[in-house]
Amino acid sequence: MNFKVTLEVPFIVRNVGEKRDAKKIAIAEARKKIGEKKLHFITIQTGASLCPVCGNPFESSFLVADTALVGFFISIKIFDVKDEKHADMVAKKMFGQIFKNTTFKTYEVREIP
């Protein structure tokens, strides 16, 4: 079975004055780390996260004292795995090697042809 796995990733950016700049830096740094591993088939997107309390979407960046927490989504296609859980584990292992000491949250796992 083949799946597309999308994970939510937190990324800290220091010494930044605006959310827009923080997002750009976070995405650039993520692309750099992914590029070092020669994984050019991964997509990265910023967007909105869902509030765990009310369920409403909100911008995935937060800025305090020139330090930002930026959330973004990374997606990868995983081929020839047993099921959704296996695909999720493979994706988290791959990204865990790139983004060390980072916690991932599974956003979506869907079967693809």
N, C-alpha and C. Protein backbone atom coordinates (compact mmCIF):
# COMPACT_ATOMS: atom_id res chain seq x y z
N MET A 1 0.83 -1.18 0.00
CA MET A 1 0.00 0.00 0.00
C MET A 1 0.88 1.25 0.00
N ASN A 2 0.36 2.31 -0.60
CA ASN A 2 1.09 3.58 -0.69
C ASN A 2 0.28 4.67 0.01
N PHE A 3 0.99 5.57 0.69
CA PHE A 3 0.32 6.62 1.45
C PHE A 3 1.04 7.95 1.29
N LYS A 4 0.29 9.03 1.45
CA LYS A 4 0.88 10.36 1.60
C LYS A 4 0.70 10.73 3.06
N VAL A 5 1.82 11.02 3.73
CA VAL A 5 1.80 11.36 5.15
C VAL A 5 2.15 12.83 5.31
N THR A 6 1.31 13.54 6.05
CA THR A 6 1.55 14.95 6.34
C THR A 6 1.70 15.10 7.85
N LEU A 7 2.81 15.72 8.25
CA LEU A 7 3.10 15.93 9.66
C LEU A 7 3.17 17.42 9.97
N GLU A 8 2.76 17.77 11.17
CA GLU A 8 2.88 19.14 11.64
C GLU A 8 4.20 19.24 12.41
N VAL A 9 4.97 20.30 12.11
CA VAL A 9 6.31 20.44 12.68
C VAL A 9 6.47 21.81 13.34
N PRO A 10 6.95 21.85 14.59
CA PRO A 10 7.27 23.13 15.21
C PRO A 10 8.73 23.51 14.91
N PHE A 11 8.98 24.78 14.72
CA PHE A 11 10.33 25.24 14.41
C PHE A 11 10.57 26.56 15.13
N ILE A 12 11.66 26.67 15.86
CA ILE A 12 11.98 27.89 16.61
C ILE A 12 12.95 28.74 15.80
N VAL A 13 12.62 30.03 15.68
CA VAL A 13 13.47 30.99 14.98
C VAL A 13 13.82 32.09 15.98
N ARG A 14 15.11 32.33 16.15
CA ARG A 14 15.56 33.34 17.11
C ARG A 14 16.02 34.61 16.39
N ASN A 15 16.00 35.71 17.12
CA ASN A 15 16.47 37.00 16.61
C ASN A 15 15.72 37.44 15.35
N VAL A 16 14.41 37.43 15.45
CA VAL A 16 13.58 37.83 14.32
C VAL A 16 12.55 38.84 14.84
N GLY A 17 12.23 39.82 14.03
CA GLY A 17 11.34 40.88 14.47
C GLY A 17 9.89 40.76 14.02
N GLU A 18 9.65 40.01 12.94
CA GLU A 18 8.29 39.91 12.40
C GLU A 18 7.92 38.46 12.09
N LYS A 19 6.64 38.16 12.20
CA LYS A 19 6.15 36.81 11.92
C LYS A 19 6.45 36.40 10.48
N ARG A 20 6.25 37.32 9.56
CA ARG A 20 6.48 37.01 8.15
C ARG A 20 7.93 36.57 7.92
N ASP A 21 8.87 37.28 8.53
CA ASP A 21 10.28 36.92 8.41
C ASP A 21 10.55 35.57 9.08
N ALA A 22 9.92 35.34 10.22
CA ALA A 22 10.10 34.07 10.93
C ALA A 22 9.65 32.90 10.07
N LYS A 23 8.52 33.05 9.39
CA LYS A 23 8.02 31.98 8.51
C LYS A 23 9.01 31.70 7.38
N LYS A 24 9.50 32.78 6.76
CA LYS A 24 10.44 32.61 5.65
C LYS A 24 11.72 31.91 6.11
N ILE A 25 12.22 32.32 7.26
CA ILE A 25 13.45 31.71 7.79
C ILE A 25 13.21 30.24 8.14
N ALA A 26 12.09 29.95 8.78
CA ALA A 26 11.78 28.56 9.17
C ALA A 26 11.70 27.66 7.94
N ILE A 27 11.00 28.11 6.91
CA ILE A 27 10.87 27.30 5.68
C ILE A 27 12.23 27.15 5.00
N ALA A 28 13.01 28.22 4.93
CA ALA A 28 14.34 28.15 4.30
C ALA A 28 15.24 27.17 5.05
N GLU A 29 15.23 27.24 6.38
CA GLU A 29 16.06 26.32 7.18
C GLU A 29 15.59 24.88 7.01
N ALA A 30 14.30 24.67 6.98
CA ALA A 30 13.77 23.31 6.78
C ALA A 30 14.18 22.77 5.41
N ARG A 31 14.04 23.59 4.38
CA ARG A 31 14.45 23.16 3.02
C ARG A 31 15.95 22.84 2.99
N LYS A 32 16.74 23.64 3.68
CA LYS A 32 18.19 23.40 3.73
C LYS A 32 18.49 22.05 4.37
N LYS A 33 17.86 21.76 5.50
CA LYS A 33 18.08 20.48 6.18
C LYS A 33 17.63 19.31 5.31
N ILE A 34 16.49 19.46 4.66
CA ILE A 34 15.97 18.40 3.79
C ILE A 34 16.89 18.22 2.58
N GLY A 35 17.36 19.34 2.01
CA GLY A 35 18.25 19.29 0.85
C GLY A 35 19.57 18.60 1.16
N GLU A 36 20.06 18.75 2.39
CA GLU A 36 21.31 18.09 2.79
C GLU A 36 21.18 16.57 2.74
N LYS A 37 19.97 16.07 2.96
CA LYS A 37 19.72 14.62 2.91
C LYS A 37 19.29 14.16 1.52
N LYS A 38 19.27 15.11 0.57
CA LYS A 38 18.90 14.82 -0.82
C LYS A 38 17.49 14.25 -0.94
N LEU A 39 16.58 14.77 -0.13
CA LEU A 39 15.18 14.36 -0.17
C LEU A 39 14.39 15.49 -0.85
N HIS A 40 14.45 15.53 -2.16
CA HIS A 40 13.86 16.63 -2.92
C HIS A 40 12.39 16.37 -3.27
N PHE A 41 11.81 15.33 -2.75
CA PHE A 41 10.43 14.96 -3.07
C PHE A 41 9.48 15.26 -1.92
N ILE A 42 9.91 16.10 -1.00
CA ILE A 42 9.11 16.45 0.17
C ILE A 42 8.50 17.84 -0.05
N THR A 43 7.25 18.01 0.34
CA THR A 43 6.63 19.33 0.24
C THR A 43 6.53 19.95 1.63
N ILE A 44 6.70 21.27 1.68
CA ILE A 44 6.62 22.03 2.92
C ILE A 44 5.59 23.14 2.72
N GLN A 45 4.69 23.29 3.68
CA GLN A 45 3.66 24.33 3.59
C GLN A 45 3.46 24.98 4.94
N THR A 46 3.28 26.29 4.93
CA THR A 46 2.82 26.96 6.14
C THR A 46 1.31 27.05 6.02
N GLY A 47 0.68 27.33 7.10
CA GLY A 47 -0.76 27.44 7.04
C GLY A 47 -1.32 27.69 8.40
N ALA A 48 -2.50 27.21 8.60
CA ALA A 48 -3.17 27.41 9.88
C ALA A 48 -3.21 26.09 10.65
N SER A 49 -3.08 26.22 11.95
CA SER A 49 -3.25 25.07 12.84
C SER A 49 -4.63 25.19 13.47
N LEU A 50 -5.11 24.10 14.02
CA LEU A 50 -6.39 24.14 14.71
C LEU A 50 -6.16 24.30 16.21
N CYS A 51 -6.91 25.19 16.80
CA CYS A 51 -6.83 25.40 18.24
C CYS A 51 -7.31 24.14 18.95
N PRO A 52 -6.51 23.61 19.89
CA PRO A 52 -6.92 22.39 20.57
C PRO A 52 -8.12 22.58 21.50
N VAL A 53 -8.42 23.82 21.86
CA VAL A 53 -9.53 24.09 22.76
C VAL A 53 -10.84 24.30 21.99
N CYS A 54 -10.83 25.26 21.04
CA CYS A 54 -12.07 25.60 20.35
C CYS A 54 -12.19 25.00 18.95
N GLY A 55 -11.07 24.53 18.38
CA GLY A 55 -11.11 23.91 17.07
C GLY A 55 -11.04 24.88 15.90
N ASN A 56 -10.96 26.18 16.17
CA ASN A 56 -10.86 27.18 15.10
C ASN A 56 -9.43 27.29 14.59
N PRO A 57 -9.27 27.59 13.30
CA PRO A 57 -7.91 27.75 12.76
C PRO A 57 -7.28 29.05 13.23
N PHE A 58 -5.95 29.02 13.39
CA PHE A 58 -5.19 30.23 13.72
C PHE A 58 -3.84 30.16 13.02
N GLU A 59 -3.24 31.34 12.81
CA GLU A 59 -1.96 31.41 12.11
C GLU A 59 -0.90 30.62 12.88
N SER A 60 -0.11 29.87 12.15
CA SER A 60 0.86 28.96 12.77
C SER A 60 2.19 29.62 13.08
N SER A 61 2.15 30.78 13.69
CA SER A 61 3.38 31.41 14.16
C SER A 61 3.05 32.29 15.35
N PHE A 62 4.01 32.36 16.26
CA PHE A 62 3.83 33.11 17.49
C PHE A 62 5.16 33.75 17.81
N LEU A 63 5.14 35.06 18.05
CA LEU A 63 6.38 35.82 18.24
C LEU A 63 6.38 36.49 19.61
N VAL A 64 7.44 36.24 20.39
CA VAL A 64 7.63 36.86 21.69
C VAL A 64 9.13 37.13 21.87
N ALA A 65 9.47 38.35 22.24
CA ALA A 65 10.86 38.73 22.54
C ALA A 65 11.82 38.32 21.44
N ASP A 66 11.45 38.64 20.21
CA ASP A 66 12.28 38.36 19.03
C ASP A 66 12.57 36.87 18.83
N THR A 67 11.73 36.00 19.39
CA THR A 67 11.83 34.57 19.19
C THR A 67 10.48 34.07 18.72
N ALA A 68 10.48 33.31 17.63
CA ALA A 68 9.21 32.83 17.05
C ALA A 68 9.13 31.32 17.09
N LEU A 69 7.93 30.86 17.32
CA LEU A 69 7.59 29.45 17.14
C LEU A 69 6.74 29.39 15.89
N VAL A 70 7.25 28.73 14.86
CA VAL A 70 6.56 28.64 13.59
C VAL A 70 6.16 27.19 13.37
N GLY A 71 4.92 26.99 13.01
CA GLY A 71 4.45 25.65 12.67
C GLY A 71 4.29 25.53 11.17
N PHE A 72 4.70 24.41 10.63
CA PHE A 72 4.48 24.16 9.21
C PHE A 72 4.20 22.68 9.00
N PHE A 73 3.78 22.35 7.80
CA PHE A 73 3.42 20.98 7.45
C PHE A 73 4.42 20.44 6.44
N ILE A 74 4.87 19.21 6.65
CA ILE A 74 5.72 18.54 5.67
C ILE A 74 5.01 17.27 5.23
N SER A 75 5.07 17.02 3.93
CA SER A 75 4.40 15.84 3.37
C SER A 75 5.39 15.00 2.58
N ILE A 76 5.17 13.70 2.63
CA ILE A 76 6.01 12.76 1.91
C ILE A 76 5.16 11.58 1.48
N LYS A 77 5.49 11.03 0.34
CA LYS A 77 4.82 9.81 -0.12
C LYS A 77 5.64 8.61 0.33
N ILE A 78 4.96 7.67 0.97
CA ILE A 78 5.60 6.45 1.46
C ILE A 78 5.03 5.28 0.68
N PHE A 79 5.90 4.47 0.10
CA PHE A 79 5.46 3.37 -0.76
C PHE A 79 5.73 2.01 -0.11
N ASP A 80 4.88 1.06 -0.46
CA ASP A 80 5.05 -0.35 -0.07
C ASP A 80 5.13 -0.56 1.45
N VAL A 81 4.13 -0.05 2.15
CA VAL A 81 4.03 -0.28 3.58
C VAL A 81 2.74 -1.05 3.87
N LYS A 82 2.66 -1.58 5.08
CA LYS A 82 1.53 -2.45 5.44
C LYS A 82 0.22 -1.70 5.62
N ASP A 83 0.29 -0.56 6.31
CA ASP A 83 -0.95 0.15 6.64
C ASP A 83 -0.62 1.60 7.00
N GLU A 84 -1.66 2.36 7.40
CA GLU A 84 -1.48 3.77 7.76
C GLU A 84 -0.48 3.97 8.90
N LYS A 85 -0.59 3.13 9.91
CA LYS A 85 0.29 3.25 11.07
C LYS A 85 1.76 3.04 10.67
N HIS A 86 2.00 2.07 9.81
CA HIS A 86 3.36 1.80 9.34
C HIS A 86 3.89 2.99 8.53
N ALA A 87 3.04 3.56 7.66
CA ALA A 87 3.44 4.72 6.86
C ALA A 87 3.79 5.89 7.77
N ASP A 88 2.99 6.11 8.80
CA ASP A 88 3.23 7.19 9.76
C ASP A 88 4.57 6.99 10.48
N MET A 89 4.85 5.78 10.89
CA MET A 89 6.11 5.48 11.58
C MET A 89 7.31 5.71 10.68
N VAL A 90 7.20 5.29 9.41
CA VAL A 90 8.31 5.48 8.46
C VAL A 90 8.57 6.97 8.24
N ALA A 91 7.50 7.74 8.05
CA ALA A 91 7.66 9.18 7.83
C ALA A 91 8.29 9.85 9.04
N LYS A 92 7.83 9.52 10.23
CA LYS A 92 8.38 10.13 11.44
C LYS A 92 9.84 9.75 11.64
N LYS A 93 10.21 8.53 11.27
CA LYS A 93 11.61 8.13 11.39
C LYS A 93 12.48 8.92 10.40
N MET A 94 12.00 9.06 9.16
CA MET A 94 12.77 9.82 8.16
C MET A 94 12.96 11.27 8.59
N PHE A 95 11.86 11.90 9.01
CA PHE A 95 11.95 13.31 9.41
C PHE A 95 12.67 13.47 10.74
N GLY A 96 12.60 12.48 11.60
CA GLY A 96 13.31 12.53 12.87
C GLY A 96 14.81 12.57 12.69
N GLN A 97 15.29 11.96 11.61
CA GLN A 97 16.72 12.00 11.32
C GLN A 97 17.15 13.38 10.81
N ILE A 98 16.21 14.11 10.23
CA ILE A 98 16.51 15.45 9.69
C ILE A 98 16.33 16.51 10.77
N PHE A 99 15.19 16.47 11.45
CA PHE A 99 14.86 17.46 12.47
C PHE A 99 15.04 16.83 13.85
N LYS A 100 16.25 16.79 14.31
CA LYS A 100 16.56 16.14 15.59
C LYS A 100 15.91 16.90 16.75
N ASN A 101 15.52 16.14 17.77
CA ASN A 101 14.90 16.72 18.98
C ASN A 101 13.63 17.52 18.67
N THR A 102 12.88 17.07 17.68
CA THR A 102 11.63 17.73 17.30
C THR A 102 10.48 16.75 17.45
N THR A 103 9.39 17.23 17.97
CA THR A 103 8.19 16.41 18.10
C THR A 103 7.31 16.64 16.88
N PHE A 104 6.81 15.58 16.29
CA PHE A 104 5.92 15.68 15.14
C PHE A 104 4.52 15.26 15.54
N LYS A 105 3.55 15.90 14.93
CA LYS A 105 2.16 15.49 15.12
C LYS A 105 1.62 15.09 13.76
N THR A 106 1.01 13.92 13.70
CA THR A 106 0.44 13.47 12.44
C THR A 106 -0.79 14.31 12.13
N TYR A 107 -0.77 14.93 10.96
CA TYR A 107 -1.90 15.75 10.52
C TYR A 107 -2.84 14.93 9.65
N GLU A 108 -2.23 14.15 8.73
CA GLU A 108 -3.05 13.35 7.81
C GLU A 108 -2.23 12.21 7.24
N VAL A 109 -2.87 11.06 7.13
CA VAL A 109 -2.31 9.92 6.42
C VAL A 109 -3.41 9.45 5.48
N ARG A 110 -3.13 9.48 4.17
CA ARG A 110 -4.17 9.02 3.24
C ARG A 110 -3.55 8.12 2.19
N GLU A 111 -4.34 7.15 1.79
CA GLU A 111 -3.88 6.18 0.80
C GLU A 111 -3.87 6.84 -0.58
N ILE A 112 -2.83 6.54 -1.35
CA ILE A 112 -2.70 7.05 -2.72
C ILE A 112 -2.53 5.85 -3.65
N PRO A 113 -2.86 6.06 -4.93
CA PRO A 113 -2.71 4.94 -5.89
C PRO A 113 -1.26 4.61 -6.18
